[in-house]
């Protein structure tokens, strides 16, 4: 166990919670099956407008992740590991789709 103990930043935790709530509200509004009524203002229209909060929540998560990763630092071994994983899954998916869908063309001509 290391002597240095990282302190939790409660403001970042609160921002994460708000971002999660924005994403959950967005999913509820977008996939909740609400219909627009022909009236000027309704609860359904308000929920549909709140559906845009998901984009904000995702953006907040990306910024928080970038902030914490910028402090961590990267190693060449981690980058090589990531590169290897990306190539492995790309080639595996290509082979699986080539076997199960051999007559589908990769590039569609219009």
PDB file of N, CA and C in Angstrom:
ATOM      1  N   UNK A   1       0.844  -1.183   0.000  1.00  0.00           N
ATOM      2  CA  UNK A   1       0.000   0.000   0.000  1.00  0.00           C
ATOM      3  C   UNK A   1       0.884   1.239   0.000  1.00  0.00           C
ATOM      4  N   UNK A   2       0.593   2.189  -0.831  1.00  0.00           N
ATOM      5  CA  UNK A   2       1.445   3.372  -0.937  1.00  0.00           C
ATOM      6  C   UNK A   2       1.098   4.389   0.140  1.00  0.00           C
ATOM      7  N   UNK A   3       2.124   5.176   0.484  1.00  0.00           N
ATOM      8  CA  UNK A   3       1.916   6.194   1.512  1.00  0.00           C
ATOM      9  C   UNK A   3       1.083   7.354   0.988  1.00  0.00           C
ATOM     10  N   UNK A   4       1.201   7.598  -0.330  1.00  0.00           N
ATOM     11  CA  UNK A   4       0.421   8.682  -0.909  1.00  0.00           C
ATOM     12  C   UNK A   4      -1.001   8.208  -1.142  1.00  0.00           C
ATOM     13  N   UNK A   5      -1.926   8.964  -0.630  1.00  0.00           N
ATOM     14  CA  UNK A   5      -3.326   8.609  -0.804  1.00  0.00           C
ATOM     15  C   UNK A   5      -3.995   9.738  -1.580  1.00  0.00           C
ATOM     16  N   UNK A   6      -4.615   9.388  -2.699  1.00  0.00           N
ATOM     17  CA  UNK A   6      -5.233  10.433  -3.503  1.00  0.00           C
ATOM     18  C   UNK A   6      -6.513  10.906  -2.827  1.00  0.00           C
ATOM     19  N   UNK A   7      -6.686  12.204  -2.848  1.00  0.00           N
ATOM     20  CA  UNK A   7      -7.864  12.801  -2.246  1.00  0.00           C
ATOM     21  C   UNK A   7      -8.965  12.903  -3.288  1.00  0.00           C
ATOM     22  N   UNK A   8     -10.162  12.564  -2.915  1.00  0.00           N
ATOM     23  CA  UNK A   8     -11.285  12.651  -3.840  1.00  0.00           C
ATOM     24  C   UNK A   8     -11.740  14.097  -3.958  1.00  0.00           C
ATOM     25  N   UNK A   9     -12.012  14.467  -5.177  1.00  0.00           N
ATOM     26  CA  UNK A   9     -12.480  15.818  -5.447  1.00  0.00           C
ATOM     27  C   UNK A   9     -14.002  15.753  -5.525  1.00  0.00           C
ATOM     28  N   UNK A  10     -14.667  16.255  -4.502  1.00  0.00           N
ATOM     29  CA  UNK A  10     -16.126  16.123  -4.430  1.00  0.00           C
ATOM     30  C   UNK A  10     -16.828  16.933  -5.523  1.00  0.00           C
ATOM     31  N   UNK A  11     -16.211  18.010  -5.984  1.00  0.00           N
ATOM     32  CA  UNK A  11     -16.856  18.779  -7.052  1.00  0.00           C
ATOM     33  C   UNK A  11     -16.851  17.992  -8.363  1.00  0.00           C
ATOM     34  N   UNK A  12     -15.780  17.214  -8.616  1.00  0.00           N
ATOM     35  CA  UNK A  12     -15.756  16.358  -9.807  1.00  0.00           C
ATOM     36  C   UNK A  12     -16.785  15.230  -9.687  1.00  0.00           C
ATOM     37  N   UNK A  13     -16.926  14.696  -8.483  1.00  0.00           N
ATOM     38  CA  UNK A  13     -17.916  13.635  -8.268  1.00  0.00           C
ATOM     39  C   UNK A  13     -19.336  14.179  -8.488  1.00  0.00           C
ATOM     40  N   UNK A  14     -19.593  15.386  -8.024  1.00  0.00           N
ATOM     41  CA  UNK A  14     -20.904  16.001  -8.231  1.00  0.00           C
ATOM     42  C   UNK A  14     -21.147  16.250  -9.718  1.00  0.00           C
ATOM     43  N   UNK A  15     -20.129  16.693 -10.428  1.00  0.00           N
ATOM     44  CA  UNK A  15     -20.257  16.922 -11.869  1.00  0.00           C
ATOM     45  C   UNK A  15     -20.521  15.606 -12.605  1.00  0.00           C
ATOM     46  N   UNK A  16     -19.873  14.536 -12.168  1.00  0.00           N
ATOM     47  CA  UNK A  16     -20.146  13.218 -12.756  1.00  0.00           C
ATOM     48  C   UNK A  16     -21.588  12.790 -12.514  1.00  0.00           C
ATOM     49  N   UNK A  17     -22.093  13.005 -11.317  1.00  0.00           N
ATOM     50  CA  UNK A  17     -23.475  12.639 -10.997  1.00  0.00           C
ATOM     51  C   UNK A  17     -24.445  13.427 -11.860  1.00  0.00           C
ATOM     52  N   UNK A  18     -24.183  14.716 -12.028  1.00  0.00           N
ATOM     53  CA  UNK A  18     -25.050  15.548 -12.875  1.00  0.00           C
ATOM     54  C   UNK A  18     -25.006  15.057 -14.313  1.00  0.00           C
ATOM     55  N   UNK A  19     -23.816  14.701 -14.786  1.00  0.00           N
ATOM     56  CA  UNK A  19     -23.688  14.181 -16.151  1.00  0.00           C
ATOM     57  C   UNK A  19     -24.471  12.881 -16.308  1.00  0.00           C
ATOM     58  N   UNK A  20     -24.389  12.001 -15.311  1.00  0.00           N
ATOM     59  CA  UNK A  20     -25.150  10.743 -15.365  1.00  0.00           C
ATOM     60  C   UNK A  20     -26.650  11.003 -15.407  1.00  0.00           C
ATOM     61  N   UNK A  21     -27.106  11.939 -14.601  1.00  0.00           N
ATOM     62  CA  UNK A  21     -28.530  12.268 -14.603  1.00  0.00           C
ATOM     63  C   UNK A  21     -28.963  12.824 -15.957  1.00  0.00           C
ATOM     64  N   UNK A  22     -28.119  13.653 -16.569  1.00  0.00           N
ATOM     65  CA  UNK A  22     -28.439  14.198 -17.890  1.00  0.00           C
ATOM     66  C   UNK A  22     -28.577  13.076 -18.913  1.00  0.00           C
ATOM     67  N   UNK A  23     -27.689  12.097 -18.860  1.00  0.00           N
ATOM     68  CA  UNK A  23     -27.741  10.992 -19.812  1.00  0.00           C
ATOM     69  C   UNK A  23     -28.963  10.126 -19.566  1.00  0.00           C
ATOM     70  N   UNK A  24     -29.289   9.848 -18.303  1.00  0.00           N
ATOM     71  CA  UNK A  24     -30.465   9.030 -17.991  1.00  0.00           C
ATOM     72  C   UNK A  24     -31.744   9.736 -18.431  1.00  0.00           C
ATOM     73  N   UNK A  25     -31.858  11.035 -18.161  1.00  0.00           N
ATOM     74  CA  UNK A  25     -33.040  11.800 -18.587  1.00  0.00           C
ATOM     75  C   UNK A  25     -33.142  11.805 -20.107  1.00  0.00           C
ATOM     76  N   UNK A  26     -32.014  11.932 -20.774  1.00  0.00           N
ATOM     77  CA  UNK A  26     -32.015  11.928 -22.233  1.00  0.00           C
ATOM     78  C   UNK A  26     -32.511  10.593 -22.776  1.00  0.00           C
ATOM     79  N   UNK A  27     -32.016   9.496 -22.224  1.00  0.00           N
ATOM     80  CA  UNK A  27     -32.464   8.176 -22.686  1.00  0.00           C
ATOM     81  C   UNK A  27     -33.947   7.966 -22.401  1.00  0.00           C
ATOM     82  N   UNK A  28     -34.412   8.438 -21.248  1.00  0.00           N
ATOM     83  CA  UNK A  28     -35.832   8.319 -20.924  1.00  0.00           C
ATOM     84  C   UNK A  28     -36.686   9.122 -21.900  1.00  0.00           C
ATOM     85  N   UNK A  29     -36.216  10.313 -22.249  1.00  0.00           N
ATOM     86  CA  UNK A  29     -37.002  11.171 -23.142  1.00  0.00           C
ATOM     87  C   UNK A  29     -36.983  10.669 -24.580  1.00  0.00           C
ATOM     88  N   UNK A  30     -35.826  10.223 -25.045  1.00  0.00           N
ATOM     89  CA  UNK A  30     -35.710   9.818 -26.440  1.00  0.00           C
ATOM     90  C   UNK A  30     -36.350   8.466 -26.678  1.00  0.00           C
ATOM     91  N   UNK A  31     -36.161   7.526 -25.761  1.00  0.00           N
ATOM     92  CA  UNK A  31     -36.649   6.157 -25.959  1.00  0.00           C
ATOM     93  C   UNK A  31     -37.915   5.861 -25.160  1.00  0.00           C
ATOM     94  N   UNK A  32     -38.536   6.883 -24.598  1.00  0.00           N
ATOM     95  CA  UNK A  32     -39.713   6.675 -23.766  1.00  0.00           C
ATOM     96  C   UNK A  32     -41.012   6.550 -24.529  1.00  0.00           C
ATOM     97  N   UNK A  33     -41.029   6.786 -25.819  1.00  0.00           N
ATOM     98  CA  UNK A  33     -42.231   6.645 -26.626  1.00  0.00           C
ATOM     99  C   UNK A  33     -43.227   7.776 -26.455  1.00  0.00           C
ATOM    100  N   UNK A  34     -42.759   8.970 -26.253  1.00  0.00           N
ATOM    101  CA  UNK A  34     -43.643  10.121 -26.081  1.00  0.00           C
ATOM    102  C   UNK A  34     -44.080  10.656 -27.433  1.00  0.00           C
ATOM    103  N   UNK A  35     -45.318  11.101 -27.506  1.00  0.00           N
ATOM    104  CA  UNK A  35     -45.850  11.705 -28.722  1.00  0.00           C
ATOM    105  C   UNK A  35     -46.063  13.196 -28.492  1.00  0.00           C
ATOM    106  N   UNK A  36     -45.812  13.967 -29.526  1.00  0.00           N
ATOM    107  CA  UNK A  36     -46.080  15.401 -29.437  1.00  0.00           C
ATOM    108  C   UNK A  36     -47.567  15.653 -29.578  1.00  0.00           C
ATOM    109  N   UNK A  37     -48.093  16.428 -28.698  1.00  0.00           N
ATOM    110  CA  UNK A  37     -49.500  16.799 -28.778  1.00  0.00           C
ATOM    111  C   UNK A  37     -49.610  18.112 -29.534  1.00  0.00           C
ATOM    112  N   UNK A  38     -50.765  18.385 -30.147  1.00  0.00           N
ATOM    113  CA  UNK A  38     -50.892  19.608 -30.945  1.00  0.00           C
ATOM    114  C   UNK A  38     -51.018  20.899 -30.125  1.00  0.00           C
ATOM    115  N   UNK A  39     -50.820  20.845 -28.822  1.00  0.00           N
ATOM    116  CA  UNK A  39     -50.917  22.054 -28.000  1.00  0.00           C
ATOM    117  C   UNK A  39     -49.567  22.760 -27.963  1.00  0.00           C
ATOM    118  N   UNK A  40     -49.566  24.027 -27.565  1.00  0.00           N
ATOM    119  CA  UNK A  40     -48.339  24.821 -27.550  1.00  0.00           C
ATOM    120  C   UNK A  40     -47.332  24.297 -26.525  1.00  0.00           C
ATOM    121  N   UNK A  41     -47.786  23.999 -25.318  1.00  0.00           N
ATOM    122  CA  UNK A  41     -46.875  23.537 -24.276  1.00  0.00           C
ATOM    123  C   UNK A  41     -47.460  22.311 -23.611  1.00  0.00           C
ATOM    124  N   UNK A  42     -46.649  21.306 -23.463  1.00  0.00           N
ATOM    125  CA  UNK A  42     -47.088  20.109 -22.748  1.00  0.00           C
ATOM    126  C   UNK A  42     -45.875  19.477 -22.076  1.00  0.00           C
ATOM    127  N   UNK A  43     -46.166  18.566 -21.184  1.00  0.00           N
ATOM    128  CA  UNK A  43     -45.097  17.861 -20.484  1.00  0.00           C
ATOM    129  C   UNK A  43     -44.261  17.037 -21.451  1.00  0.00           C
ATOM    130  N   UNK A  44     -44.900  16.461 -22.469  1.00  0.00           N
ATOM    131  CA  UNK A  44     -44.173  15.659 -23.453  1.00  0.00           C
ATOM    132  C   UNK A  44     -43.180  16.511 -24.239  1.00  0.00           C
ATOM    133  N   UNK A  45     -43.584  17.726 -24.620  1.00  0.00           N
ATOM    134  CA  UNK A  45     -42.667  18.605 -25.353  1.00  0.00           C
ATOM    135  C   UNK A  45     -41.485  18.999 -24.472  1.00  0.00           C
ATOM    136  N   UNK A  46     -41.756  19.211 -23.197  1.00  0.00           N
ATOM    137  CA  UNK A  46     -40.677  19.547 -22.275  1.00  0.00           C
ATOM    138  C   UNK A  46     -39.698  18.382 -22.145  1.00  0.00           C
ATOM    139  N   UNK A  47     -40.216  17.160 -22.058  1.00  0.00           N
ATOM    140  CA  UNK A  47     -39.352  15.989 -21.965  1.00  0.00           C
ATOM    141  C   UNK A  47     -38.529  15.800 -23.235  1.00  0.00           C
ATOM    142  N   UNK A  48     -39.114  16.059 -24.373  1.00  0.00           N
ATOM    143  CA  UNK A  48     -38.380  15.916 -25.628  1.00  0.00           C
ATOM    144  C   UNK A  48     -37.251  16.951 -25.696  1.00  0.00           C
ATOM    145  N   UNK A  49     -37.490  18.158 -25.197  1.00  0.00           N
ATOM    146  CA  UNK A  49     -36.434  19.158 -25.165  1.00  0.00           C
ATOM    147  C   UNK A  49     -35.327  18.750 -24.203  1.00  0.00           C
ATOM    148  N   UNK A  50     -35.684  18.086 -23.116  1.00  0.00           N
ATOM    149  CA  UNK A  50     -34.685  17.615 -22.162  1.00  0.00           C
ATOM    150  C   UNK A  50     -33.856  16.479 -22.748  1.00  0.00           C
ATOM    151  N   UNK A  51     -34.323  15.882 -23.826  1.00  0.00           N
ATOM    152  CA  UNK A  51     -33.577  14.817 -24.477  1.00  0.00           C
ATOM    153  C   UNK A  51     -32.222  15.275 -24.978  1.00  0.00           C
ATOM    154  N   UNK A  52     -32.061  16.552 -25.163  1.00  0.00           N
ATOM    155  CA  UNK A  52     -30.786  17.100 -25.626  1.00  0.00           C
ATOM    156  C   UNK A  52     -29.741  17.124 -24.522  1.00  0.00           C
ATOM    157  N   UNK A  53     -30.150  16.900 -23.285  1.00  0.00           N
ATOM    158  CA  UNK A  53     -29.204  16.923 -22.180  1.00  0.00           C
ATOM    159  C   UNK A  53     -28.196  15.778 -22.259  1.00  0.00           C
ATOM    160  N   UNK A  54     -28.538  14.716 -22.974  1.00  0.00           N
ATOM    161  CA  UNK A  54     -27.628  13.581 -23.097  1.00  0.00           C
ATOM    162  C   UNK A  54     -26.328  13.973 -23.758  1.00  0.00           C
ATOM    163  N   UNK A  55     -26.399  14.828 -24.775  1.00  0.00           N
ATOM    164  CA  UNK A  55     -25.178  15.300 -25.432  1.00  0.00           C
ATOM    165  C   UNK A  55     -24.295  16.072 -24.455  1.00  0.00           C
ATOM    166  N   UNK A  56     -24.920  16.878 -23.630  1.00  0.00           N
ATOM    167  CA  UNK A  56     -24.169  17.628 -22.633  1.00  0.00           C
ATOM    168  C   UNK A  56     -23.521  16.685 -21.626  1.00  0.00           C
ATOM    169  N   UNK A  57     -24.263  15.672 -21.181  1.00  0.00           N
ATOM    170  CA  UNK A  57     -23.717  14.703 -20.230  1.00  0.00           C
ATOM    171  C   UNK A  57     -22.536  13.941 -20.789  1.00  0.00           C
ATOM    172  N   UNK A  58     -22.625  13.536 -22.049  1.00  0.00           N
ATOM    173  CA  UNK A  58     -21.512  12.824 -22.688  1.00  0.00           C
ATOM    174  C   UNK A  58     -20.305  13.741 -22.812  1.00  0.00           C
ATOM    175  N   UNK A  59     -20.525  14.990 -23.184  1.00  0.00           N
ATOM    176  CA  UNK A  59     -19.421  15.941 -23.296  1.00  0.00           C
ATOM    177  C   UNK A  59     -18.734  16.148 -21.944  1.00  0.00           C
ATOM    178  N   UNK A  60     -19.529  16.219 -20.881  1.00  0.00           N
ATOM    179  CA  UNK A  60     -18.945  16.381 -19.543  1.00  0.00           C
ATOM    180  C   UNK A  60     -18.094  15.175 -19.190  1.00  0.00           C
ATOM    181  N   UNK A  61     -18.578  13.972 -19.496  1.00  0.00           N
ATOM    182  CA  UNK A  61     -17.790  12.772 -19.211  1.00  0.00           C
ATOM    183  C   UNK A  61     -16.483  12.773 -19.985  1.00  0.00           C
ATOM    184  N   UNK A  62     -16.501  13.199 -21.238  1.00  0.00           N
ATOM    185  CA  UNK A  62     -15.277  13.237 -22.040  1.00  0.00           C
ATOM    186  C   UNK A  62     -14.276  14.230 -21.439  1.00  0.00           C
ATOM    187  N   UNK A  63     -14.766  15.366 -21.007  1.00  0.00           N
ATOM    188  CA  UNK A  63     -13.876  16.369 -20.420  1.00  0.00           C
ATOM    189  C   UNK A  63     -13.283  15.869 -19.107  1.00  0.00           C
ATOM    190  N   UNK A  64     -14.102  15.244 -18.260  1.00  0.00           N
ATOM    191  CA  UNK A  64     -13.598  14.714 -16.986  1.00  0.00           C
ATOM    192  C   UNK A  64     -12.562  13.622 -17.237  1.00  0.00           C
ATOM    193  N   UNK A  65     -12.845  12.729 -18.185  1.00  0.00           N
ATOM    194  CA  UNK A  65     -11.904  11.659 -18.501  1.00  0.00           C
ATOM    195  C   UNK A  65     -10.589  12.226 -19.019  1.00  0.00           C
ATOM    196  N   UNK A  66     -10.655  13.215 -19.900  1.00  0.00           N
ATOM    197  CA  UNK A  66      -9.446  13.848 -20.404  1.00  0.00           C
ATOM    198  C   UNK A  66      -8.654  14.529 -19.306  1.00  0.00           C
ATOM    199  N   UNK A  67      -9.344  15.124 -18.368  1.00  0.00           N
ATOM    200  CA  UNK A  67      -8.670  15.791 -17.250  1.00  0.00           C
ATOM    201  C   UNK A  67      -7.891  14.796 -16.412  1.00  0.00           C
ATOM    202  N   UNK A  68      -8.528  13.679 -16.066  1.00  0.00           N
ATOM    203  CA  UNK A  68      -7.842  12.692 -15.235  1.00  0.00           C
ATOM    204  C   UNK A  68      -6.749  11.955 -16.000  1.00  0.00           C
ATOM    205  N   UNK A  69      -6.937  11.724 -17.294  1.00  0.00           N
ATOM    206  CA  UNK A  69      -5.904  11.050 -18.071  1.00  0.00           C
ATOM    207  C   UNK A  69      -4.703  11.952 -18.333  1.00  0.00           C
ATOM    208  N   UNK A  70      -4.920  13.262 -18.385  1.00  0.00           N
ATOM    209  CA  UNK A  70      -3.796  14.167 -18.619  1.00  0.00           C
ATOM    210  C   UNK A  70      -2.859  14.200 -17.427  1.00  0.00           C
ATOM    211  N   UNK A  71      -3.367  13.964 -16.246  1.00  0.00           N
ATOM    212  CA  UNK A  71      -2.535  13.936 -15.056  1.00  0.00           C
ATOM    213  C   UNK A  71      -1.797  12.604 -14.906  1.00  0.00           C
ATOM    214  N   UNK A  72      -2.337  11.555 -15.484  1.00  0.00           N
ATOM    215  CA  UNK A  72      -1.796  10.217 -15.290  1.00  0.00           C
ATOM    216  C   UNK A  72      -0.508   9.986 -16.071  1.00  0.00           C
ATOM    217  N   UNK A  73      -0.432  10.454 -17.288  1.00  0.00           N
ATOM    218  CA  UNK A  73       0.728  10.206 -18.127  1.00  0.00           C
ATOM    219  C   UNK A  73       0.568   8.881 -18.871  1.00  0.00           C
ATOM    220  N   UNK A  74       1.250   8.753 -19.994  1.00  0.00           N
ATOM    221  CA  UNK A  74       1.144   7.541 -20.788  1.00  0.00           C
ATOM    222  C   UNK A  74       2.509   6.894 -20.924  1.00  0.00           C
ATOM    223  N   UNK A  75       2.486   5.598 -21.194  1.00  0.00           N
ATOM    224  CA  UNK A  75       3.704   4.835 -21.406  1.00  0.00           C
ATOM    225  C   UNK A  75       3.631   4.210 -22.787  1.00  0.00           C
ATOM    226  N   UNK A  76       4.781   3.969 -23.352  1.00  0.00           N
ATOM    227  CA  UNK A  76       4.855   3.363 -24.668  1.00  0.00           C
ATOM    228  C   UNK A  76       4.220   1.971 -24.671  1.00  0.00           C
ATOM    229  N   UNK A  77       4.369   1.245 -23.585  1.00  0.00           N
ATOM    230  CA  UNK A  77       3.787  -0.096 -23.481  1.00  0.00           C
ATOM    231  C   UNK A  77       2.258  -0.035 -23.552  1.00  0.00           C
ATOM    232  N   UNK A  78       1.656   0.962 -22.918  1.00  0.00           N
ATOM    233  CA  UNK A  78       0.200   1.110 -22.954  1.00  0.00           C
ATOM    234  C   UNK A  78      -0.280   1.421 -24.370  1.00  0.00           C
ATOM    235  N   UNK A  79       0.449   2.278 -25.077  1.00  0.00           N
ATOM    236  CA  UNK A  79       0.071   2.621 -26.447  1.00  0.00           C
ATOM    237  C   UNK A  79       0.193   1.410 -27.371  1.00  0.00           C
ATOM    238  N   UNK A  80       1.259   0.630 -27.205  1.00  0.00           N
ATOM    239  CA  UNK A  80       1.416  -0.580 -28.018  1.00  0.00           C
ATOM    240  C   UNK A  80       0.311  -1.590 -27.715  1.00  0.00           C
ATOM    241  N   UNK A  81      -0.057  -1.712 -26.450  1.00  0.00           N
ATOM    242  CA  UNK A  81      -1.137  -2.618 -26.058  1.00  0.00           C
ATOM    243  C   UNK A  81      -2.456  -2.183 -26.691  1.00  0.00           C
ATOM    244  N   UNK A  82      -2.761  -0.908 -26.664  1.00  0.00           N
ATOM    245  CA  UNK A  82      -3.983  -0.392 -27.273  1.00  0.00           C
ATOM    246  C   UNK A  82      -3.980  -0.632 -28.776  1.00  0.00           C
ATOM    247  N   UNK A  83      -2.856  -0.349 -29.433  1.00  0.00           N
ATOM    248  CA  UNK A  83      -2.739  -0.551 -30.869  1.00  0.00           C
ATOM    249  C   UNK A  83      -2.960  -2.026 -31.230  1.00  0.00           C
ATOM    250  N   UNK A  84      -2.372  -2.931 -30.451  1.00  0.00           N
ATOM    251  CA  UNK A  84      -2.526  -4.370 -30.692  1.00  0.00           C
ATOM    252  C   UNK A  84      -3.978  -4.800 -30.536  1.00  0.00           C
ATOM    253  N   UNK A  85      -4.656  -4.298 -29.506  1.00  0.00           N
ATOM    254  CA  UNK A  85      -6.060  -4.659 -29.284  1.00  0.00           C
ATOM    255  C   UNK A  85      -6.943  -4.160 -30.419  1.00  0.00           C
ATOM    256  N   UNK A  86      -6.722  -2.943 -30.868  1.00  0.00           N
ATOM    257  CA  UNK A  86      -7.538  -2.388 -31.953  1.00  0.00           C
ATOM    258  C   UNK A  86      -7.365  -3.198 -33.224  1.00  0.00           C
ATOM    259  N   UNK A  87      -6.132  -3.530 -33.579  1.00  0.00           N
ATOM    260  CA  UNK A  87      -5.892  -4.324 -34.785  1.00  0.00           C
ATOM    261  C   UNK A  87      -6.464  -5.729 -34.659  1.00  0.00           C
ATOM    262  N   UNK A  88      -6.321  -6.346 -33.487  1.00  0.00           N
ATOM    263  CA  UNK A  88      -6.846  -7.699 -33.291  1.00  0.00           C
ATOM    264  C   UNK A  88      -8.353  -7.734 -33.504  1.00  0.00           C
ATOM    265  N   UNK A  89      -9.071  -6.832 -32.860  1.00  0.00           N
ATOM    266  CA  UNK A  89     -10.535  -6.837 -32.990  1.00  0.00           C
ATOM    267  C   UNK A  89     -10.975  -6.420 -34.385  1.00  0.00           C
ATOM    268  N   UNK A  90     -10.261  -5.505 -35.013  1.00  0.00           N
ATOM    269  CA  UNK A  90     -10.615  -5.105 -36.382  1.00  0.00           C
ATOM    270  C   UNK A  90     -10.485  -6.274 -37.342  1.00  0.00           C
ATOM    271  N   UNK A  91      -9.374  -6.990 -37.266  1.00  0.00           N
ATOM    272  CA  UNK A  91      -9.160  -8.131 -38.165  1.00  0.00           C
ATOM    273  C   UNK A  91     -10.131  -9.259 -37.847  1.00  0.00           C
ATOM    274  N   UNK A  92     -10.390  -9.508 -36.565  1.00  0.00           N
ATOM    275  CA  UNK A  92     -11.329 -10.569 -36.173  1.00  0.00           C
ATOM    276  C   UNK A  92     -12.732 -10.275 -36.685  1.00  0.00           C
ATOM    277  N   UNK A  93     -13.187  -9.062 -36.527  1.00  0.00           N
ATOM    278  CA  UNK A  93     -14.522  -8.693 -37.003  1.00  0.00           C
ATOM    279  C   UNK A  93     -14.590  -8.787 -38.520  1.00  0.00           C
ATOM    280  N   UNK A  94     -13.542  -8.357 -39.213  1.00  0.00           N
ATOM    281  CA  UNK A  94     -13.510  -8.462 -40.668  1.00  0.00           C
ATOM    282  C   UNK A  94     -13.607  -9.921 -41.119  1.00  0.00           C
ATOM    283  N   UNK A  95     -12.846 -10.798 -40.477  1.00  0.00           N
ATOM    284  CA  UNK A  95     -12.867 -12.220 -40.846  1.00  0.00           C
ATOM    285  C   UNK A  95     -14.234 -12.833 -40.576  1.00  0.00           C
ATOM    286  N   UNK A  96     -14.823 -12.537 -39.422  1.00  0.00           N
ATOM    287  CA  UNK A  96     -16.141 -13.091 -39.085  1.00  0.00           C
ATOM    288  C   UNK A  96     -17.183 -12.634 -40.101  1.00  0.00           C
ATOM    289  N   UNK A  97     -17.186 -11.359 -40.445  1.00  0.00           N
ATOM    290  CA  UNK A  97     -18.167 -10.868 -41.419  1.00  0.00           C
ATOM    291  C   UNK A  97     -17.888 -11.404 -42.817  1.00  0.00           C
ATOM    292  N   UNK A  98     -16.626 -11.615 -43.153  1.00  0.00           N
ATOM    293  CA  UNK A  98     -16.302 -12.195 -44.463  1.00  0.00           C
ATOM    294  C   UNK A  98     -16.775 -13.638 -44.565  1.00  0.00           C
ATOM    295  N   UNK A  99     -16.749 -14.363 -43.458  1.00  0.00           N
ATOM    296  CA  UNK A  99     -17.212 -15.756 -43.465  1.00  0.00           C
ATOM    297  C   UNK A  99     -18.728 -15.825 -43.520  1.00  0.00           C
ATOM    298  N   UNK A 100     -19.412 -15.042 -42.687  1.00  0.00           N
ATOM    299  CA  UNK A 100     -20.865 -15.144 -42.592  1.00  0.00           C
ATOM    300  C   UNK A 100     -21.617 -14.354 -43.661  1.00  0.00           C
ATOM    301  N   UNK A 101     -21.005 -13.353 -44.231  1.00  0.00           N
ATOM    302  CA  UNK A 101     -21.642 -12.549 -45.279  1.00  0.00           C
ATOM    303  C   UNK A 101     -20.689 -12.420 -46.466  1.00  0.00           C
ATOM    304  N   UNK A 102     -20.402 -13.511 -47.160  1.00  0.00           N
ATOM    305  CA  UNK A 102     -19.377 -13.448 -48.211  1.00  0.00           C
ATOM    306  C   UNK A 102     -19.803 -12.683 -49.451  1.00  0.00           C
ATOM    307  N   UNK A 103     -21.099 -12.570 -49.723  1.00  0.00           N
ATOM    308  CA  UNK A 103     -21.544 -11.923 -50.955  1.00  0.00           C
ATOM    309  C   UNK A 103     -21.798 -10.434 -50.788  1.00  0.00           C
ATOM    310  N   UNK A 104     -21.728  -9.950 -49.583  1.00  0.00           N
ATOM    311  CA  UNK A 104     -21.894  -8.504 -49.345  1.00  0.00           C
ATOM    312  C   UNK A 104     -20.610  -7.797 -49.716  1.00  0.00           C
ATOM    313  N   UNK A 105     -20.737  -6.690 -50.402  1.00  0.00           N
ATOM    314  CA  UNK A 105     -19.565  -5.916 -50.784  1.00  0.00           C
ATOM    315  C   UNK A 105     -19.216  -4.948 -49.667  1.00  0.00           C
ATOM    316  N   UNK A 106     -17.940  -4.760 -49.448  1.00  0.00           N
ATOM    317  CA  UNK A 106     -17.514  -3.835 -48.411  1.00  0.00           C
ATOM    318  C   UNK A 106     -17.810  -2.394 -48.792  1.00  0.00           C
ATOM    319  N   UNK A 107     -17.615  -2.087 -50.068  1.00  0.00           N
ATOM    320  CA  UNK A 107     -17.904  -0.739 -50.535  1.00  0.00           C
ATOM    321  C   UNK A 107     -19.122  -0.789 -51.445  1.00  0.00           C
ATOM    322  N   UNK A 108     -20.141  -0.077 -51.089  1.00  0.00           N
ATOM    323  CA  UNK A 108     -21.370  -0.054 -51.894  1.00  0.00           C
ATOM    324  C   UNK A 108     -21.205   0.976 -53.004  1.00  0.00           C
ATOM    325  N   UNK A 109     -21.590   0.616 -54.193  1.00  0.00           N
ATOM    326  CA  UNK A 109     -21.563   1.586 -55.287  1.00  0.00           C
ATOM    327  C   UNK A 109     -22.973   2.138 -55.469  1.00  0.00           C
ATOM    328  N   UNK A 110     -23.057   3.406 -55.684  1.00  0.00           N
ATOM    329  CA  UNK A 110     -24.366   4.057 -55.793  1.00  0.00           C
ATOM    330  C   UNK A 110     -24.726   4.289 -57.220  1.00  0.00           C
TER     331      UNK A 110
END
